[in-house]
Amino acid sequence: MNDQSRSNGKQEEGLLRSLKSRHVQLIALGGIIGSSYFLGSGYIIDKAKPAAVFAYILGGAIVYMVMICLGELAVAIPKSGSFISYTNDLLSQTLALLDGHTGLHGLHMFHQK
């Protein structure tokens, strides 16, 4: 205990060095998912050769540009909500509805596998 915690009459709690079973399970699950992505990418690169590298670069550039644009919008117009709220405010309700449904169907297709 340090002098400050004695003078306040309170005992400060520090960080605990303990992992529960669920923490270890989630760490293991994260490791499996990460290595699966790594192996899957290697398989794709092996089969498609330079086209896969080009596709990864193009996809990464698109994601980077979208995130930069959303960051600029978040700084210029700070509000709670997702990208759909920006579409609703800046473009139209119809495009916001289409944007939301596209994202929803994309998630649905991703989780069906």
PDB file of N, CA and C in Angstrom:
ATOM      1  N   MET A   1       0.843  -1.181   0.000  1.00  0.00           N
ATOM      2  CA  MET A   1       0.000   0.000   0.000  1.00  0.00           C
ATOM      3  C   MET A   1       0.883   1.236   0.000  1.00  0.00           C
ATOM      4  N   ASN A   2       0.519   2.222  -0.766  1.00  0.00           N
ATOM      5  CA  ASN A   2       1.299   3.440  -0.763  1.00  0.00           C
ATOM      6  C   ASN A   2       0.706   4.440   0.229  1.00  0.00           C
ATOM      7  N   ASP A   3       1.403   5.552   0.424  1.00  0.00           N
ATOM      8  CA  ASP A   3       0.992   6.541   1.426  1.00  0.00           C
ATOM      9  C   ASP A   3      -0.347   7.184   1.078  1.00  0.00           C
ATOM     10  N   GLN A   4      -0.604   7.400  -0.203  1.00  0.00           N
ATOM     11  CA  GLN A   4      -1.840   8.064  -0.593  1.00  0.00           C
ATOM     12  C   GLN A   4      -3.062   7.205  -0.263  1.00  0.00           C
ATOM     13  N   SER A   5      -2.972   5.899  -0.505  1.00  0.00           N
ATOM     14  CA  SER A   5      -4.123   5.048  -0.206  1.00  0.00           C
ATOM     15  C   SER A   5      -4.334   4.925   1.297  1.00  0.00           C
ATOM     16  N   ARG A   6      -3.256   4.996   2.110  1.00  0.00           N
ATOM     17  CA  ARG A   6      -3.416   4.961   3.565  1.00  0.00           C
ATOM     18  C   ARG A   6      -4.058   6.235   4.077  1.00  0.00           C
ATOM     19  N   SER A   7      -3.682   7.377   3.482  1.00  0.00           N
ATOM     20  CA  SER A   7      -4.216   8.641   3.973  1.00  0.00           C
ATOM     21  C   SER A   7      -5.699   8.801   3.629  1.00  0.00           C
ATOM     22  N   ASN A   8      -6.150   8.227   2.519  1.00  0.00           N
ATOM     23  CA  ASN A   8      -7.557   8.321   2.149  1.00  0.00           C
ATOM     24  C   ASN A   8      -8.422   7.340   2.928  1.00  0.00           C
ATOM     25  N   GLY A   9      -7.802   6.348   3.533  1.00  0.00           N
ATOM     26  CA  GLY A   9      -8.576   5.346   4.242  1.00  0.00           C
ATOM     27  C   GLY A   9      -9.146   4.288   3.327  1.00  0.00           C
ATOM     28  N   LYS A  10      -8.837   4.356   2.049  1.00  0.00           N
ATOM     29  CA  LYS A  10      -9.334   3.371   1.084  1.00  0.00           C
ATOM     30  C   LYS A  10      -8.165   2.509   0.620  1.00  0.00           C
ATOM     31  N   GLN A  11      -8.482   1.303   0.316  1.00  0.00           N
ATOM     32  CA  GLN A  11      -7.458   0.431  -0.235  1.00  0.00           C
ATOM     33  C   GLN A  11      -7.696   0.327  -1.733  1.00  0.00           C
ATOM     34  N   GLU A  12      -6.694   0.700  -2.522  1.00  0.00           N
ATOM     35  CA  GLU A  12      -6.831   0.646  -3.972  1.00  0.00           C
ATOM     36  C   GLU A  12      -6.703  -0.789  -4.447  1.00  0.00           C
ATOM     37  N   GLU A  13      -7.527  -1.130  -5.392  1.00  0.00           N
ATOM     38  CA  GLU A  13      -7.449  -2.459  -5.972  1.00  0.00           C
ATOM     39  C   GLU A  13      -6.600  -2.396  -7.226  1.00  0.00           C
ATOM     40  N   GLY A  14      -5.684  -3.313  -7.357  1.00  0.00           N
ATOM     41  CA  GLY A  14      -4.837  -3.382  -8.537  1.00  0.00           C
ATOM     42  C   GLY A  14      -5.392  -4.364  -9.541  1.00  0.00           C
ATOM     43  N   LEU A  15      -4.641  -4.590 -10.575  1.00  0.00           N
ATOM     44  CA  LEU A  15      -5.040  -5.553 -11.594  1.00  0.00           C
ATOM     45  C   LEU A  15      -4.824  -6.956 -11.073  1.00  0.00           C
ATOM     46  N   LEU A  16      -5.735  -7.834 -11.374  1.00  0.00           N
ATOM     47  CA  LEU A  16      -5.612  -9.223 -10.958  1.00  0.00           C
ATOM     48  C   LEU A  16      -4.954 -10.016 -12.067  1.00  0.00           C
ATOM     49  N   ARG A  17      -4.086 -10.923 -11.668  1.00  0.00           N
ATOM     50  CA  ARG A  17      -3.418 -11.781 -12.641  1.00  0.00           C
ATOM     51  C   ARG A  17      -4.090 -13.149 -12.644  1.00  0.00           C
ATOM     52  N   SER A  18      -5.265 -13.200 -13.191  1.00  0.00           N
ATOM     53  CA  SER A  18      -5.975 -14.478 -13.251  1.00  0.00           C
ATOM     54  C   SER A  18      -6.770 -14.543 -14.545  1.00  0.00           C
ATOM     55  N   LEU A  19      -6.739 -15.703 -15.140  1.00  0.00           N
ATOM     56  CA  LEU A  19      -7.533 -15.963 -16.339  1.00  0.00           C
ATOM     57  C   LEU A  19      -8.553 -17.039 -16.006  1.00  0.00           C
ATOM     58  N   LYS A  20      -9.768 -16.783 -16.385  1.00  0.00           N
ATOM     59  CA  LYS A  20     -10.815 -17.783 -16.192  1.00  0.00           C
ATOM     60  C   LYS A  20     -10.839 -18.702 -17.411  1.00  0.00           C
ATOM     61  N   SER A  21     -11.587 -19.742 -17.290  1.00  0.00           N
ATOM     62  CA  SER A  21     -11.675 -20.728 -18.374  1.00  0.00           C
ATOM     63  C   SER A  21     -12.191 -20.090 -19.662  1.00  0.00           C
ATOM     64  N   ARG A  22     -13.174 -19.213 -19.556  1.00  0.00           N
ATOM     65  CA  ARG A  22     -13.733 -18.592 -20.762  1.00  0.00           C
ATOM     66  C   ARG A  22     -12.725 -17.681 -21.448  1.00  0.00           C
ATOM     67  N   HIS A  23     -11.826 -17.033 -20.673  1.00  0.00           N
ATOM     68  CA  HIS A  23     -10.806 -16.183 -21.283  1.00  0.00           C
ATOM     69  C   HIS A  23      -9.850 -17.018 -22.125  1.00  0.00           C
ATOM     70  N   VAL A  24      -9.424 -18.154 -21.580  1.00  0.00           N
ATOM     71  CA  VAL A  24      -8.518 -19.033 -22.314  1.00  0.00           C
ATOM     72  C   VAL A  24      -9.204 -19.578 -23.564  1.00  0.00           C
ATOM     73  N   GLN A  25     -10.482 -19.920 -23.455  1.00  0.00           N
ATOM     74  CA  GLN A  25     -11.217 -20.428 -24.613  1.00  0.00           C
ATOM     75  C   GLN A  25     -11.319 -19.378 -25.711  1.00  0.00           C
ATOM     76  N   LEU A  26     -11.581 -18.128 -25.349  1.00  0.00           N
ATOM     77  CA  LEU A  26     -11.688 -17.073 -26.365  1.00  0.00           C
ATOM     78  C   LEU A  26     -10.342 -16.753 -26.989  1.00  0.00           C
ATOM     79  N   ILE A  27      -9.257 -16.816 -26.212  1.00  0.00           N
ATOM     80  CA  ILE A  27      -7.923 -16.620 -26.777  1.00  0.00           C
ATOM     81  C   ILE A  27      -7.617 -17.727 -27.782  1.00  0.00           C
ATOM     82  N   ALA A  28      -7.953 -18.971 -27.427  1.00  0.00           N
ATOM     83  CA  ALA A  28      -7.732 -20.092 -28.344  1.00  0.00           C
ATOM     84  C   ALA A  28      -8.575 -19.947 -29.606  1.00  0.00           C
ATOM     85  N   LEU A  29      -9.833 -19.533 -29.448  1.00  0.00           N
ATOM     86  CA  LEU A  29     -10.705 -19.339 -30.611  1.00  0.00           C
ATOM     87  C   LEU A  29     -10.158 -18.248 -31.525  1.00  0.00           C
ATOM     88  N   GLY A  30      -9.671 -17.153 -30.952  1.00  0.00           N
ATOM     89  CA  GLY A  30      -9.070 -16.092 -31.759  1.00  0.00           C
ATOM     90  C   GLY A  30      -7.839 -16.571 -32.506  1.00  0.00           C
ATOM     91  N   GLY A  31      -7.032 -17.402 -31.871  1.00  0.00           N
ATOM     92  CA  GLY A  31      -5.854 -17.954 -32.541  1.00  0.00           C
ATOM     93  C   GLY A  31      -6.220 -18.851 -33.697  1.00  0.00           C
ATOM     94  N   ILE A  32      -7.266 -19.654 -33.515  1.00  0.00           N
ATOM     95  CA  ILE A  32      -7.709 -20.548 -34.585  1.00  0.00           C
ATOM     96  C   ILE A  32      -8.265 -19.746 -35.758  1.00  0.00           C
ATOM     97  N   ILE A  33      -9.058 -18.732 -35.470  1.00  0.00           N
ATOM     98  CA  ILE A  33      -9.624 -17.907 -36.544  1.00  0.00           C
ATOM     99  C   ILE A  33      -8.518 -17.181 -37.295  1.00  0.00           C
ATOM    100  N   GLY A  34      -7.558 -16.618 -36.569  1.00  0.00           N
ATOM    101  CA  GLY A  34      -6.457 -15.906 -37.220  1.00  0.00           C
ATOM    102  C   GLY A  34      -5.623 -16.811 -38.102  1.00  0.00           C
ATOM    103  N   SER A  35      -5.284 -18.003 -37.607  1.00  0.00           N
ATOM    104  CA  SER A  35      -4.484 -18.913 -38.428  1.00  0.00           C
ATOM    105  C   SER A  35      -5.282 -19.440 -39.607  1.00  0.00           C
ATOM    106  N   SER A  36      -6.598 -19.579 -39.447  1.00  0.00           N
ATOM    107  CA  SER A  36      -7.426 -20.013 -40.576  1.00  0.00           C
ATOM    108  C   SER A  36      -7.450 -18.964 -41.680  1.00  0.00           C
ATOM    109  N   TYR A  37      -7.549 -17.691 -41.296  1.00  0.00           N
ATOM    110  CA  TYR A  37      -7.478 -16.637 -42.309  1.00  0.00           C
ATOM    111  C   TYR A  37      -6.128 -16.651 -43.012  1.00  0.00           C
ATOM    112  N   PHE A  38      -5.073 -16.864 -42.257  1.00  0.00           N
ATOM    113  CA  PHE A  38      -3.727 -16.896 -42.838  1.00  0.00           C
ATOM    114  C   PHE A  38      -3.605 -18.052 -43.823  1.00  0.00           C
ATOM    115  N   LEU A  39      -4.047 -19.248 -43.420  1.00  0.00           N
ATOM    116  CA  LEU A  39      -3.962 -20.409 -44.312  1.00  0.00           C
ATOM    117  C   LEU A  39      -4.888 -20.268 -45.518  1.00  0.00           C
ATOM    118  N   GLY A  40      -6.082 -19.718 -45.303  1.00  0.00           N
ATOM    119  CA  GLY A  40      -6.998 -19.509 -46.417  1.00  0.00           C
ATOM    120  C   GLY A  40      -6.446 -18.533 -47.437  1.00  0.00           C
ATOM    121  N   SER A  41      -5.805 -17.475 -46.962  1.00  0.00           N
ATOM    122  CA  SER A  41      -5.190 -16.518 -47.882  1.00  0.00           C
ATOM    123  C   SER A  41      -4.064 -17.168 -48.667  1.00  0.00           C
ATOM    124  N   GLY A  42      -3.286 -18.015 -48.003  1.00  0.00           N
ATOM    125  CA  GLY A  42      -2.213 -18.725 -48.698  1.00  0.00           C
ATOM    126  C   GLY A  42      -2.746 -19.645 -49.781  1.00  0.00           C
ATOM    127  N   TYR A  43      -3.847 -20.318 -49.499  1.00  0.00           N
ATOM    128  CA  TYR A  43      -4.463 -21.201 -50.496  1.00  0.00           C
ATOM    129  C   TYR A  43      -4.939 -20.401 -51.704  1.00  0.00           C
ATOM    130  N   ILE A  44      -5.587 -19.260 -51.455  1.00  0.00           N
ATOM    131  CA  ILE A  44      -6.076 -18.422 -52.555  1.00  0.00           C
ATOM    132  C   ILE A  44      -4.909 -17.894 -53.389  1.00  0.00           C
ATOM    133  N   ILE A  45      -3.867 -17.426 -52.726  1.00  0.00           N
ATOM    134  CA  ILE A  45      -2.705 -16.896 -53.454  1.00  0.00           C
ATOM    135  C   ILE A  45      -2.044 -18.001 -54.267  1.00  0.00           C
ATOM    136  N   ASP A  46      -2.001 -19.228 -53.735  1.00  0.00           N
ATOM    137  CA  ASP A  46      -1.407 -20.347 -54.462  1.00  0.00           C
ATOM    138  C   ASP A  46      -2.199 -20.665 -55.723  1.00  0.00           C
ATOM    139  N   LYS A  47      -3.522 -20.605 -55.645  1.00  0.00           N
ATOM    140  CA  LYS A  47      -4.343 -20.963 -56.803  1.00  0.00           C
ATOM    141  C   LYS A  47      -4.445 -19.831 -57.831  1.00  0.00           C
ATOM    142  N   ALA A  48      -4.567 -18.592 -57.367  1.00  0.00           N
ATOM    143  CA  ALA A  48      -4.827 -17.490 -58.300  1.00  0.00           C
ATOM    144  C   ALA A  48      -3.580 -16.692 -58.652  1.00  0.00           C
ATOM    145  N   LYS A  49      -2.503 -16.899 -57.959  1.00  0.00           N
ATOM    146  CA  LYS A  49      -1.208 -16.233 -58.195  1.00  0.00           C
ATOM    147  C   LYS A  49      -1.342 -14.707 -58.167  1.00  0.00           C
ATOM    148  N   PRO A  50      -0.905 -13.994 -59.217  1.00  0.00           N
ATOM    149  CA  PRO A  50      -0.902 -12.527 -59.140  1.00  0.00           C
ATOM    150  C   PRO A  50      -2.291 -11.897 -59.064  1.00  0.00           C
ATOM    151  N   ALA A  51      -3.299 -12.589 -59.570  1.00  0.00           N
ATOM    152  CA  ALA A  51      -4.644 -12.022 -59.532  1.00  0.00           C
ATOM    153  C   ALA A  51      -5.125 -11.867 -58.095  1.00  0.00           C
ATOM    154  N   ALA A  52      -4.765 -12.802 -57.221  1.00  0.00           N
ATOM    155  CA  ALA A  52      -5.177 -12.723 -55.815  1.00  0.00           C
ATOM    156  C   ALA A  52      -4.509 -11.553 -55.123  1.00  0.00           C
ATOM    157  N   VAL A  53      -3.249 -11.348 -55.416  1.00  0.00           N
ATOM    158  CA  VAL A  53      -2.544 -10.214 -54.806  1.00  0.00           C
ATOM    159  C   VAL A  53      -3.178  -8.900 -55.256  1.00  0.00           C
ATOM    160  N   PHE A  54      -3.482  -8.802 -56.548  1.00  0.00           N
ATOM    161  CA  PHE A  54      -4.149  -7.609 -57.062  1.00  0.00           C
ATOM    162  C   PHE A  54      -5.517  -7.416 -56.408  1.00  0.00           C
ATOM    163  N   ALA A  55      -6.265  -8.518 -56.240  1.00  0.00           N
ATOM    164  CA  ALA A  55      -7.586  -8.429 -55.614  1.00  0.00           C
ATOM    165  C   ALA A  55      -7.482  -7.979 -54.158  1.00  0.00           C
ATOM    166  N   TYR A  56      -6.489  -8.482 -53.419  1.00  0.00           N
ATOM    167  CA  TYR A  56      -6.296  -8.064 -52.033  1.00  0.00           C
ATOM    168  C   TYR A  56      -5.916  -6.588 -51.954  1.00  0.00           C
ATOM    169  N   ILE A  57      -5.064  -6.139 -52.864  1.00  0.00           N
ATOM    170  CA  ILE A  57      -4.666  -4.726 -52.885  1.00  0.00           C
ATOM    171  C   ILE A  57      -5.866  -3.840 -53.218  1.00  0.00           C
ATOM    172  N   LEU A  58      -6.652  -4.236 -54.219  1.00  0.00           N
ATOM    173  CA  LEU A  58      -7.829  -3.459 -54.601  1.00  0.00           C
ATOM    174  C   LEU A  58      -8.862  -3.431 -53.474  1.00  0.00           C
ATOM    175  N   GLY A  59      -9.131  -4.576 -52.868  1.00  0.00           N
ATOM    176  CA  GLY A  59     -10.083  -4.628 -51.759  1.00  0.00           C
ATOM    177  C   GLY A  59      -9.619  -3.811 -50.565  1.00  0.00           C
ATOM    178  N   GLY A  60      -8.337  -3.888 -50.251  1.00  0.00           N
ATOM    179  CA  GLY A  60      -7.790  -3.095 -49.156  1.00  0.00           C
ATOM    180  C   GLY A  60      -7.873  -1.603 -49.428  1.00  0.00           C
ATOM    181  N   ALA A  61      -7.627  -1.207 -50.669  1.00  0.00           N
ATOM    182  CA  ALA A  61      -7.715   0.214 -51.021  1.00  0.00           C
ATOM    183  C   ALA A  61      -9.151   0.719 -50.902  1.00  0.00           C
ATOM    184  N   ILE A  62     -10.108  -0.096 -51.323  1.00  0.00           N
ATOM    185  CA  ILE A  62     -11.514   0.310 -51.216  1.00  0.00           C
ATOM    186  C   ILE A  62     -11.921   0.452 -49.756  1.00  0.00           C
ATOM    187  N   VAL A  63     -11.563  -0.524 -48.927  1.00  0.00           N
ATOM    188  CA  VAL A  63     -11.897  -0.445 -47.495  1.00  0.00           C
ATOM    189  C   VAL A  63     -11.227   0.764 -46.852  1.00  0.00           C
ATOM    190  N   TYR A  64      -9.975   1.027 -47.210  1.00  0.00           N
ATOM    191  CA  TYR A  64      -9.256   2.178 -46.660  1.00  0.00           C
ATOM    192  C   TYR A  64      -9.951   3.484 -47.039  1.00  0.00           C
ATOM    193  N   MET A  65     -10.355   3.621 -48.305  1.00  0.00           N
ATOM    194  CA  MET A  65     -11.015   4.854 -48.728  1.00  0.00           C
ATOM    195  C   MET A  65     -12.360   5.050 -48.042  1.00  0.00           C
ATOM    196  N   VAL A  66     -13.123   3.963 -47.877  1.00  0.00           N
ATOM    197  CA  VAL A  66     -14.410   4.065 -47.187  1.00  0.00           C
ATOM    198  C   VAL A  66     -14.200   4.489 -45.733  1.00  0.00           C
ATOM    199  N   MET A  67     -13.201   3.910 -45.063  1.00  0.00           N
ATOM    200  CA  MET A  67     -12.949   4.266 -43.667  1.00  0.00           C
ATOM    201  C   MET A  67     -12.465   5.705 -43.527  1.00  0.00           C
ATOM    202  N   ILE A  68     -11.665   6.189 -44.479  1.00  0.00           N
ATOM    203  CA  ILE A  68     -11.228   7.586 -44.451  1.00  0.00           C
ATOM    204  C   ILE A  68     -12.437   8.509 -44.621  1.00  0.00           C
ATOM    205  N   CYS A  69     -13.320   8.153 -45.536  1.00  0.00           N
ATOM    206  CA  CYS A  69     -14.520   8.973 -45.759  1.00  0.00           C
ATOM    207  C   CYS A  69     -15.425   8.981 -44.525  1.00  0.00           C
ATOM    208  N   LEU A  70     -15.613   7.824 -43.887  1.00  0.00           N
ATOM    209  CA  LEU A  70     -16.438   7.775 -42.682  1.00  0.00           C
ATOM    210  C   LEU A  70     -15.781   8.540 -41.535  1.00  0.00           C
ATOM    211  N   GLY A  71     -14.460   8.506 -41.458  1.00  0.00           N
ATOM    212  CA  GLY A  71     -13.757   9.295 -40.440  1.00  0.00           C
ATOM    213  C   GLY A  71     -13.943  10.788 -40.655  1.00  0.00           C
ATOM    214  N   GLU A  72     -13.870  11.212 -41.902  1.00  0.00           N
ATOM    215  CA  GLU A  72     -14.098  12.629 -42.208  1.00  0.00           C
ATOM    216  C   GLU A  72     -15.525  13.044 -41.864  1.00  0.00           C
ATOM    217  N   LEU A  73     -16.490  12.191 -42.175  1.00  0.00           N
ATOM    218  CA  LEU A  73     -17.883  12.499 -41.840  1.00  0.00           C
ATOM    219  C   LEU A  73     -18.086  12.560 -40.323  1.00  0.00           C
ATOM    220  N   ALA A  74     -17.452  11.644 -39.598  1.00  0.00           N
ATOM    221  CA  ALA A  74     -17.604  11.628 -38.145  1.00  0.00           C
ATOM    222  C   ALA A  74     -17.024  12.879 -37.505  1.00  0.00           C
ATOM    223  N   VAL A  75     -15.964  13.427 -38.091  1.00  0.00           N
ATOM    224  CA  VAL A  75     -15.377  14.660 -37.563  1.00  0.00           C
ATOM    225  C   VAL A  75     -16.213  15.873 -37.971  1.00  0.00           C
ATOM    226  N   ALA A  76     -16.685  15.889 -39.202  1.00  0.00           N
ATOM    227  CA  ALA A  76     -17.442  17.041 -39.688  1.00  0.00           C
ATOM    228  C   ALA A  76     -18.849  17.095 -39.105  1.00  0.00           C
ATOM    229  N   ILE A  77     -19.491  15.942 -38.968  1.00  0.00           N
ATOM    230  CA  ILE A  77     -20.868  15.878 -38.472  1.00  0.00           C
ATOM    231  C   ILE A  77     -20.915  14.848 -37.338  1.00  0.00           C
ATOM    232  N   PRO A  78     -20.521  15.226 -36.131  1.00  0.00           N
ATOM    233  CA  PRO A  78     -20.539  14.243 -35.036  1.00  0.00           C
ATOM    234  C   PRO A  78     -21.968  13.947 -34.579  1.00  0.00           C
ATOM    235  N   LYS A  79     -22.365  12.702 -34.701  1.00  0.00           N
ATOM    236  CA  LYS A  79     -23.699  12.276 -34.281  1.00  0.00           C
ATOM    237  C   LYS A  79     -23.654  10.785 -34.002  1.00  0.00           C
ATOM    238  N   SER A  80     -24.601  10.321 -33.226  1.00  0.00           N
ATOM    239  CA  SER A  80     -24.654   8.884 -32.976  1.00  0.00           C
ATOM    240  C   SER A  80     -25.386   8.213 -34.121  1.00  0.00           C
ATOM    241  N   GLY A  81     -24.991   7.011 -34.400  1.00  0.00           N
ATOM    242  CA  GLY A  81     -25.587   6.271 -35.495  1.00  0.00           C
ATOM    243  C   GLY A  81     -24.501   5.667 -36.365  1.00  0.00           C
ATOM    244  N   SER A  82     -24.919   4.953 -37.380  1.00  0.00           N
ATOM    245  CA  SER A  82     -23.959   4.307 -38.261  1.00  0.00           C
ATOM    246  C   SER A  82     -23.877   5.058 -39.584  1.00  0.00           C
ATOM    247  N   PHE A  83     -23.241   4.427 -40.548  1.00  0.00           N
ATOM    248  CA  PHE A  83     -23.109   5.056 -41.871  1.00  0.00           C
ATOM    249  C   PHE A  83     -24.475   5.264 -42.517  1.00  0.00           C
ATOM    250  N   ILE A  84     -25.461   4.498 -42.114  1.00  0.00           N
ATOM    251  CA  ILE A  84     -26.802   4.644 -42.681  1.00  0.00           C
ATOM    252  C   ILE A  84     -27.407   5.992 -42.309  1.00  0.00           C
ATOM    253  N   SER A  85     -27.117   6.482 -41.098  1.00  0.00           N
ATOM    254  CA  SER A  85     -27.646   7.790 -40.695  1.00  0.00           C
ATOM    255  C   SER A  85     -27.031   8.914 -41.521  1.00  0.00           C
ATOM    256  N   TYR A  86     -25.756   8.767 -41.916  1.00  0.00           N
ATOM    257  CA  TYR A  86     -25.144   9.773 -42.793  1.00  0.00           C
ATOM    258  C   TYR A  86     -25.787   9.732 -44.173  1.00  0.00           C
ATOM    259  N   THR A  87     -26.078   8.536 -44.681  1.00  0.00           N
ATOM    260  CA  THR A  87     -26.745   8.420 -45.975  1.00  0.00           C
ATOM    261  C   THR A  87     -28.130   9.053 -45.920  1.00  0.00           C
ATOM    262  N   ASN A  88     -28.835   8.815 -44.821  1.00  0.00           N
ATOM    263  CA  ASN A  88     -30.174   9.382 -44.659  1.00  0.00           C
ATOM    264  C   ASN A  88     -30.126  10.901 -44.624  1.00  0.00           C
ATOM    265  N   ASP A  89     -29.184  11.486 -43.903  1.00  0.00           N
ATOM    266  CA  ASP A  89     -29.106  12.941 -43.767  1.00  0.00           C
ATOM    267  C   ASP A  89     -28.561  13.632 -45.013  1.00  0.00           C
ATOM    268  N   LEU A  90     -27.574  13.031 -45.658  1.00  0.00           N
ATOM    269  CA  LEU A  90     -26.876  13.724 -46.742  1.00  0.00           C
ATOM    270  C   LEU A  90     -27.391  13.376 -48.141  1.00  0.00           C
ATOM    271  N   LEU A  91     -27.981  12.200 -48.314  1.00  0.00           N
ATOM    272  CA  LEU A  91     -28.457  11.825 -49.647  1.00  0.00           C
ATOM    273  C   LEU A  91     -29.980  11.720 -49.668  1.00  0.00           C
ATOM    274  N   SER A  92     -30.514  10.573 -49.275  1.00  0.00           N
ATOM    275  CA  SER A  92     -31.974  10.429 -49.239  1.00  0.00           C
ATOM    276  C   SER A  92     -32.352   9.226 -48.381  1.00  0.00           C
ATOM    277  N   GLN A  93     -33.636   9.191 -47.993  1.00  0.00           N
ATOM    278  CA  GLN A  93     -34.115   8.069 -47.195  1.00  0.00           C
ATOM    279  C   GLN A  93     -34.130   6.777 -48.009  1.00  0.00           C
ATOM    280  N   THR A  94     -34.412   6.898 -49.287  1.00  0.00           N
ATOM    281  CA  THR A  94     -34.461   5.714 -50.146  1.00  0.00           C
ATOM    282  C   THR A  94     -33.087   5.066 -50.246  1.00  0.00           C
ATOM    283  N   LEU A  95     -32.049   5.870 -50.448  1.00  0.00           N
ATOM    284  CA  LEU A  95     -30.696   5.322 -50.524  1.00  0.00           C
ATOM    285  C   LEU A  95     -30.239   4.784 -49.173  1.00  0.00           C
ATOM    286  N   ALA A  96     -30.684   5.407 -48.084  1.00  0.00           N
ATOM    287  CA  ALA A  96     -30.355   4.900 -46.756  1.00  0.00           C
ATOM    288  C   ALA A  96     -30.989   3.536 -46.532  1.00  0.00           C
ATOM    289  N   LEU A  97     -32.231   3.372 -46.967  1.00  0.00           N
ATOM    290  CA  LEU A  97     -32.902   2.086 -46.861  1.00  0.00           C
ATOM    291  C   LEU A  97     -32.171   1.033 -47.689  1.00  0.00           C
ATOM    292  N   LEU A  98     -31.793   1.389 -48.907  1.00  0.00           N
ATOM    293  CA  LEU A  98     -31.050   0.477 -49.768  1.00  0.00           C
ATOM    294  C   LEU A  98     -29.693   0.136 -49.149  1.00  0.00           C
ATOM    295  N   ASP A  99     -29.036   1.105 -48.582  1.00  0.00           N
ATOM    296  CA  ASP A  99     -27.742   0.910 -47.932  1.00  0.00           C
ATOM    297  C   ASP A  99     -27.867  -0.049 -46.752  1.00  0.00           C
ATOM    298  N   GLY A 100     -28.890   0.140 -45.934  1.00  0.00           N
ATOM    299  CA  GLY A 100     -29.107  -0.735 -44.791  1.00  0.00           C
ATOM    300  C   GLY A 100     -29.443  -2.154 -45.197  1.00  0.00           C
ATOM    301  N   HIS A 101     -30.298  -2.305 -46.207  1.00  0.00           N
ATOM    302  CA  HIS A 101     -30.662  -3.641 -46.663  1.00  0.00           C
ATOM    303  C   HIS A 101     -29.486  -4.346 -47.313  1.00  0.00           C
ATOM    304  N   THR A 102     -28.653  -3.614 -48.041  1.00  0.00           N
ATOM    305  CA  THR A 102     -27.462  -4.216 -48.642  1.00  0.00           C
ATOM    306  C   THR A 102     -26.531  -4.746 -47.566  1.00  0.00           C
ATOM    307  N   GLY A 103     -26.314  -3.957 -46.528  1.00  0.00           N
ATOM    308  CA  GLY A 103     -25.471  -4.416 -45.430  1.00  0.00           C
ATOM    309  C   GLY A 103     -26.071  -5.599 -44.702  1.00  0.00           C
ATOM    310  N   LEU A 104     -27.372  -5.577 -44.491  1.00  0.00           N
ATOM    311  CA  LEU A 104     -28.048  -6.670 -43.797  1.00  0.00           C
ATOM    312  C   LEU A 104     -27.966  -7.961 -44.605  1.00  0.00           C
ATOM    313  N   HIS A 105     -28.210  -7.879 -45.900  1.00  0.00           N
ATOM    314  CA  HIS A 105     -28.142  -9.079 -46.727  1.00  0.00           C
ATOM    315  C   HIS A 105     -26.708  -9.579 -46.864  1.00  0.00           C
ATOM    316  N   GLY A 106     -25.752  -8.674 -46.879  1.00  0.00           N
ATOM    317  CA  GLY A 106     -24.351  -9.092 -46.903  1.00  0.00           C
ATOM    318  C   GLY A 106     -23.974  -9.864 -45.653  1.00  0.00           C
ATOM    319  N   LEU A 107     -24.424  -9.395 -44.494  1.00  0.00           N
ATOM    320  CA  LEU A 107     -24.159 -10.118 -43.249  1.00  0.00           C
ATOM    321  C   LEU A 107     -24.868 -11.463 -43.242  1.00  0.00           C
ATOM    322  N   HIS A 108     -26.093 -11.489 -43.750  1.00  0.00           N
ATOM    323  CA  HIS A 108     -26.853 -12.739 -43.785  1.00  0.00           C
ATOM    324  C   HIS A 108     -26.157 -13.775 -44.672  1.00  0.00           C
ATOM    325  N   MET A 109     -25.655 -13.355 -45.824  1.00  0.00           N
ATOM    326  CA  MET A 109     -24.959 -14.279 -46.720  1.00  0.00           C
ATOM    327  C   MET A 109     -23.655 -14.747 -46.100  1.00  0.00           C
ATOM    328  N   PHE A 110     -22.984 -13.876 -45.356  1.00  0.00           N
ATOM    329  CA  PHE A 110     -21.707 -14.242 -44.746  1.00  0.00           C
ATOM    330  C   PHE A 110     -21.904 -15.306 -43.656  1.00  0.00           C
ATOM    331  N   HIS A 111     -22.982 -15.187 -42.884  1.00  0.00           N
ATOM    332  CA  HIS A 111     -23.203 -16.096 -41.768  1.00  0.00           C
ATOM    333  C   HIS A 111     -23.901 -17.394 -42.159  1.00  0.00           C
ATOM    334  N   GLN A 112     -24.301 -17.547 -43.410  1.00  0.00           N
ATOM    335  CA  GLN A 112     -24.950 -18.791 -43.827  1.00  0.00           C
ATOM    336  C   GLN A 112     -23.968 -19.894 -44.111  1.00  0.00           C
ATOM    337  N   LYS A 113     -22.711 -19.594 -44.341  1.00  0.00           N
ATOM    338  CA  LYS A 113     -21.744 -20.627 -44.714  1.00  0.00           C
ATOM    339  C   LYS A 113     -21.444 -21.565 -43.605  1.00  0.00           C
TER     340      LYS A 113
END
